[in-house]
C-alpha atoms as a PDB file:
ATOM      1  CA  UNK A   1       0.222  -0.095  -0.102  1.00  0.00           C
ATOM      2  CA  UNK A   2       1.343   3.284  -0.920  1.00  0.00           C
ATOM      3  CA  UNK A   3       0.429   6.193   0.981  1.00  0.00           C
ATOM      4  CA  UNK A   4      -1.108   9.263  -1.361  1.00  0.00           C
ATOM      5  CA  UNK A   5      -0.050  12.794  -0.814  1.00  0.00           C
ATOM      6  CA  UNK A   6      -3.157  14.191  -0.537  1.00  0.00           C
ATOM      7  CA  UNK A   7      -5.786  13.743   1.906  1.00  0.00           C
ATOM      8  CA  UNK A   8      -9.381  12.500   1.848  1.00  0.00           C
ATOM      9  CA  UNK A   9     -12.617  14.408   2.133  1.00  0.00           C
ATOM     10  CA  UNK A  10     -12.477  13.790   6.046  1.00  0.00           C
ATOM     11  CA  UNK A  11      -8.697  14.821   6.091  1.00  0.00           C
ATOM     12  CA  UNK A  12      -8.178  10.678   6.423  1.00  0.00           C
ATOM     13  CA  UNK A  13      -5.015   9.554   4.811  1.00  0.00           C
ATOM     14  CA  UNK A  14      -5.724   7.865   1.404  1.00  0.00           C
ATOM     15  CA  UNK A  15      -3.661   4.756  -0.025  1.00  0.00           C
ATOM     16  CA  UNK A  16      -3.362   3.135  -3.442  1.00  0.00           C
ATOM     17  CA  UNK A  17      -2.438  -0.743  -3.823  1.00  0.00           C
ATOM     18  CA  UNK A  18       0.746   0.227  -6.067  1.00  0.00           C
ATOM     19  CA  UNK A  19       2.211  -2.236  -8.024  1.00  0.00           C
ATOM     20  CA  UNK A  20       5.548  -1.839  -9.543  1.00  0.00           C
ATOM     21  CA  UNK A  21       4.287  -1.115 -13.248  1.00  0.00           C
ATOM     22  CA  UNK A  22       3.178   2.547 -11.906  1.00  0.00           C
ATOM     23  CA  UNK A  23      -0.272   2.938 -13.038  1.00  0.00           C
ATOM     24  CA  UNK A  24      -2.365   6.035 -13.243  1.00  0.00           C
ATOM     25  CA  UNK A  25      -2.718   6.507  -9.830  1.00  0.00           C
ATOM     26  CA  UNK A  26       0.630   6.223  -8.829  1.00  0.00           C
ATOM     27  CA  UNK A  27       2.183   8.101 -11.409  1.00  0.00           C
ATOM     28  CA  UNK A  28      -0.434  10.902 -10.372  1.00  0.00           C
ATOM     29  CA  UNK A  29       0.805  10.618  -6.698  1.00  0.00           C
ATOM     30  CA  UNK A  30       4.625  10.919  -8.214  1.00  0.00           C
ATOM     31  CA  UNK A  31       3.764  13.969  -9.898  1.00  0.00           C
ATOM     32  CA  UNK A  32       1.916  15.333  -7.219  1.00  0.00           C
ATOM     33  CA  UNK A  33       4.868  14.561  -4.603  1.00  0.00           C
ATOM     34  CA  UNK A  34       7.109  16.558  -6.868  1.00  0.00           C
ATOM     35  CA  UNK A  35       4.828  19.651  -7.091  1.00  0.00           C
ATOM     36  CA  UNK A  36       4.829  19.805  -3.362  1.00  0.00           C
ATOM     37  CA  UNK A  37       8.433  19.125  -2.969  1.00  0.00           C
ATOM     38  CA  UNK A  38       9.470  22.441  -5.582  1.00  0.00           C
ATOM     39  CA  UNK A  39       6.494  24.392  -3.924  1.00  0.00           C
ATOM     40  CA  UNK A  40       8.245  23.676  -0.333  1.00  0.00           C
ATOM     41  CA  UNK A  41      11.908  24.563  -1.673  1.00  0.00           C
ATOM     42  CA  UNK A  42      10.376  27.883  -3.240  1.00  0.00           C
ATOM     43  CA  UNK A  43       8.534  28.932  -0.283  1.00  0.00           C
ATOM     44  CA  UNK A  44      11.619  28.336   1.708  1.00  0.00           C
ATOM     45  CA  UNK A  45      13.652  30.616  -0.905  1.00  0.00           C
ATOM     46  CA  UNK A  46      10.725  33.375  -0.550  1.00  0.00           C
ATOM     47  CA  UNK A  47      11.041  32.935   3.285  1.00  0.00           C
ATOM     48  CA  UNK A  48      14.650  33.519   3.582  1.00  0.00           C
ATOM     49  CA  UNK A  49      14.743  36.227   1.142  1.00  0.00           C
ATOM     50  CA  UNK A  50      12.292  37.951   3.094  1.00  0.00           C
ATOM     51  CA  UNK A  51      13.998  37.637   6.434  1.00  0.00           C
ATOM     52  CA  UNK A  52      17.081  38.675   4.880  1.00  0.00           C
ATOM     53  CA  UNK A  53      16.281  41.635   2.836  1.00  0.00           C
ATOM     54  CA  UNK A  54      17.891  45.153   3.396  1.00  0.00           C
ATOM     55  CA  UNK A  55      14.300  46.634   3.435  1.00  0.00           C
ATOM     56  CA  UNK A  56      11.790  47.278   5.852  1.00  0.00           C
ATOM     57  CA  UNK A  57      11.327  44.122   8.558  1.00  0.00           C
ATOM     58  CA  UNK A  58       8.367  41.761   7.680  1.00  0.00           C
ATOM     59  CA  UNK A  59       5.129  42.631   9.474  1.00  0.00           C
ATOM     60  CA  UNK A  60       3.503  40.090  11.984  1.00  0.00           C
ATOM     61  CA  UNK A  61       0.482  39.565   9.056  1.00  0.00           C
ATOM     62  CA  UNK A  62       3.831  38.686   6.674  1.00  0.00           C
ATOM     63  CA  UNK A  63       5.505  36.250   9.129  1.00  0.00           C
ATOM     64  CA  UNK A  64       2.060  34.553  10.095  1.00  0.00           C
ATOM     65  CA  UNK A  65       1.377  34.037   6.564  1.00  0.00           C
ATOM     66  CA  UNK A  66       4.613  32.580   5.768  1.00  0.00           C
ATOM     67  CA  UNK A  67       4.476  30.226   8.743  1.00  0.00           C
ATOM     68  CA  UNK A  68       1.349  29.130   8.240  1.00  0.00           C
ATOM     69  CA  UNK A  69       2.763  27.967   4.376  1.00  0.00           C
ATOM     70  CA  UNK A  70       6.046  26.565   5.998  1.00  0.00           C
ATOM     71  CA  UNK A  71       3.711  24.437   7.938  1.00  0.00           C
ATOM     72  CA  UNK A  72       2.008  23.137   4.945  1.00  0.00           C
ATOM     73  CA  UNK A  73       4.951  22.271   3.332  1.00  0.00           C
ATOM     74  CA  UNK A  74       6.601  20.856   6.111  1.00  0.00           C
ATOM     75  CA  UNK A  75       3.415  18.414   6.210  1.00  0.00           C
ATOM     76  CA  UNK A  76       3.631  17.716   2.317  1.00  0.00           C
ATOM     77  CA  UNK A  77       7.562  16.616   2.774  1.00  0.00           C
ATOM     78  CA  UNK A  78       6.910  14.625   6.124  1.00  0.00           C
ATOM     79  CA  UNK A  79       3.867  12.905   4.182  1.00  0.00           C
ATOM     80  CA  UNK A  80       6.001  12.481   1.032  1.00  0.00           C
ATOM     81  CA  UNK A  81       9.229  11.256   3.281  1.00  0.00           C
ATOM     82  CA  UNK A  82       6.994   8.559   5.044  1.00  0.00           C
ATOM     83  CA  UNK A  83       4.811   7.268   1.557  1.00  0.00           C
ATOM     84  CA  UNK A  84       8.465   6.536   0.285  1.00  0.00           C
ATOM     85  CA  UNK A  85       9.438   4.692   2.990  1.00  0.00           C
ATOM     86  CA  UNK A  86      11.607   6.880   4.802  1.00  0.00           C
ATOM     87  CA  UNK A  87       9.947   7.185   8.403  1.00  0.00           C
ATOM     88  CA  UNK A  88      11.159  10.058  10.208  1.00  0.00           C
ATOM     89  CA  UNK A  89      12.431   9.409  13.693  1.00  0.00           C
END
């Protein structure tokens, strides 16, 4: 069973019975994981720029928004790691 990179309607985990041939759902999951990881990397770059900019410091609202997005990206990355068998300690 493979953990999919999206949740079900009630937030529950979704799985697919995956074989080695790479069916439609497995291929879609691979693509979604790639998008999630790329988005996380882009978000990290953006937040780094925001925090190191020579302009006015980020506002509390900007930081709060970034923290929420970083939490989402971390959650996605942990799900991808679990799905790929790299269970975090």
